Amino acid sequence: AGAHLRIGLAMVDAAKCYMGQSQPCDYCVKECPVRPKAIAVGAPGRPAAVNADTCTGCGECAQICPANAITIEAMR
């Protein structure tokens, strides 16, 4: 129990991320189904950050992102 199937990894485009542009946004964090969360937002001006150790590549964050700043890179 507790093992995650990883199908990819979320990648954040810092130039598109609203948080990276100092606009408050946390849709990706709210939508992330992984516990603990695989994506986090920090200080304004810093884009959302993905934790590669917990991200499963499910794509929920990419689907909800209003800035289309998140893509899922498939595992090879």
C-alpha atoms as a PDB file:
ATOM      1  CA  ALA A   1       0.000   0.000   0.000  1.00  0.00           C
ATOM      2  CA  GLY A   2       1.123   3.539  -0.620  1.00  0.00           C
ATOM      3  CA  ALA A   3       2.984   2.805  -3.848  1.00  0.00           C
ATOM      4  CA  HIS A   4       2.214   5.197  -6.664  1.00  0.00           C
ATOM      5  CA  LEU A   5       2.053   4.255 -10.309  1.00  0.00           C
ATOM      6  CA  ARG A   6       4.018   6.918 -12.133  1.00  0.00           C
ATOM      7  CA  ILE A   7       3.011   7.596 -15.724  1.00  0.00           C
ATOM      8  CA  GLY A   8       4.767  10.917 -16.118  1.00  0.00           C
ATOM      9  CA  LEU A   9       5.945  14.067 -14.417  1.00  0.00           C
ATOM     10  CA  ALA A  10       4.298  17.489 -14.282  1.00  0.00           C
ATOM     11  CA  MET A  11       6.447  20.302 -15.659  1.00  0.00           C
ATOM     12  CA  VAL A  12       5.661  23.954 -14.918  1.00  0.00           C
ATOM     13  CA  ASP A  13       6.414  26.644 -17.498  1.00  0.00           C
ATOM     14  CA  ALA A  14       7.581  29.433 -15.177  1.00  0.00           C
ATOM     15  CA  ALA A  15       6.918  32.121 -17.796  1.00  0.00           C
ATOM     16  CA  LYS A  16       3.218  31.146 -17.997  1.00  0.00           C
ATOM     17  CA  CYS A  17       2.531  30.278 -14.342  1.00  0.00           C
ATOM     18  CA  TYR A  18       0.365  32.949 -12.689  1.00  0.00           C
ATOM     19  CA  MET A  19       2.282  32.555  -9.412  1.00  0.00           C
ATOM     20  CA  GLY A  20       5.486  33.202 -11.353  1.00  0.00           C
ATOM     21  CA  GLN A  21       3.898  36.478 -12.475  1.00  0.00           C
ATOM     22  CA  SER A  22       2.977  37.345  -8.856  1.00  0.00           C
ATOM     23  CA  GLN A  23      -0.726  36.646  -9.434  1.00  0.00           C
ATOM     24  CA  PRO A  24      -2.321  34.529  -6.695  1.00  0.00           C
ATOM     25  CA  CYS A  25      -3.350  31.090  -7.926  1.00  0.00           C
ATOM     26  CA  ASP A  26      -3.462  27.630  -6.335  1.00  0.00           C
ATOM     27  CA  TYR A  27      -5.717  25.603  -8.627  1.00  0.00           C
ATOM     28  CA  CYS A  28      -2.974  23.047  -9.258  1.00  0.00           C
ATOM     29  CA  VAL A  29      -2.404  22.469  -5.545  1.00  0.00           C
ATOM     30  CA  LYS A  30      -6.119  22.121  -4.799  1.00  0.00           C
ATOM     31  CA  GLU A  31      -6.606  19.662  -7.670  1.00  0.00           C
ATOM     32  CA  CYS A  32      -3.588  17.428  -6.926  1.00  0.00           C
ATOM     33  CA  PRO A  33      -4.938  14.064  -5.665  1.00  0.00           C
ATOM     34  CA  VAL A  34      -1.599  12.884  -4.250  1.00  0.00           C
ATOM     35  CA  ARG A  35      -0.975  13.025  -0.486  1.00  0.00           C
ATOM     36  CA  PRO A  36       1.257  14.724   0.399  1.00  0.00           C
ATOM     37  CA  LYS A  37       0.660  17.127  -2.486  1.00  0.00           C
ATOM     38  CA  ALA A  38       3.033  16.708  -5.429  1.00  0.00           C
ATOM     39  CA  ILE A  39       2.831  20.391  -6.376  1.00  0.00           C
ATOM     40  CA  ALA A  40       3.138  23.488  -4.237  1.00  0.00           C
ATOM     41  CA  VAL A  41       3.004  27.246  -4.550  1.00  0.00           C
ATOM     42  CA  GLY A  42       5.319  29.469  -2.562  1.00  0.00           C
ATOM     43  CA  ALA A  43       6.012  33.172  -2.574  1.00  0.00           C
ATOM     44  CA  PRO A  44       4.481  35.408  -5.259  1.00  0.00           C
ATOM     45  CA  GLY A  45       6.930  35.733  -8.132  1.00  0.00           C
ATOM     46  CA  ARG A  46       7.913  32.062  -7.843  1.00  0.00           C
ATOM     47  CA  PRO A  47       6.195  29.533 -10.113  1.00  0.00           C
ATOM     48  CA  ALA A  48       4.523  26.417  -8.761  1.00  0.00           C
ATOM     49  CA  ALA A  49       7.020  23.701  -7.872  1.00  0.00           C
ATOM     50  CA  VAL A  50       6.601  19.982  -8.553  1.00  0.00           C
ATOM     51  CA  ASN A  51       7.925  17.325  -6.186  1.00  0.00           C
ATOM     52  CA  ALA A  52       9.297  14.690  -8.561  1.00  0.00           C
ATOM     53  CA  ASP A  53       9.333  12.093  -5.785  1.00  0.00           C
ATOM     54  CA  THR A  54       5.558  12.176  -5.283  1.00  0.00           C
ATOM     55  CA  CYS A  55       4.201  13.322  -8.688  1.00  0.00           C
ATOM     56  CA  THR A  56       2.478  10.486 -10.556  1.00  0.00           C
ATOM     57  CA  GLY A  57       1.902  12.389 -13.799  1.00  0.00           C
ATOM     58  CA  CYS A  58      -1.880  11.999 -13.520  1.00  0.00           C
ATOM     59  CA  GLY A  59      -2.443  15.326 -15.264  1.00  0.00           C
ATOM     60  CA  GLU A  60      -5.068  16.779 -12.913  1.00  0.00           C
ATOM     61  CA  CYS A  61      -2.995  19.937 -12.387  1.00  0.00           C
ATOM     62  CA  ALA A  62      -2.419  20.388 -16.119  1.00  0.00           C
ATOM     63  CA  GLN A  63      -6.164  20.070 -16.793  1.00  0.00           C
ATOM     64  CA  ILE A  64      -7.157  22.743 -14.242  1.00  0.00           C
ATOM     65  CA  CYS A  65      -4.340  25.276 -14.811  1.00  0.00           C
ATOM     66  CA  PRO A  66      -5.959  28.499 -16.121  1.00  0.00           C
ATOM     67  CA  ALA A  67      -2.632  29.640 -17.602  1.00  0.00           C
ATOM     68  CA  ASN A  68      -1.909  26.340 -19.403  1.00  0.00           C
ATOM     69  CA  ALA A  69       1.461  26.458 -17.663  1.00  0.00           C
ATOM     70  CA  ILE A  70       1.644  22.761 -16.784  1.00  0.00           C
ATOM     71  CA  THR A  71       2.441  19.904 -19.120  1.00  0.00           C
ATOM     72  CA  ILE A  72       2.959  16.232 -18.358  1.00  0.00           C
ATOM     73  CA  GLU A  73       6.194  14.723 -19.566  1.00  0.00           C
ATOM     74  CA  ALA A  74       5.690  11.026 -20.230  1.00  0.00           C
ATOM     75  CA  MET A  75       8.015   8.523 -18.581  1.00  0.00           C
ATOM     76  CA  ARG A  76      10.393   6.866 -21.004  1.00  0.00           C
END
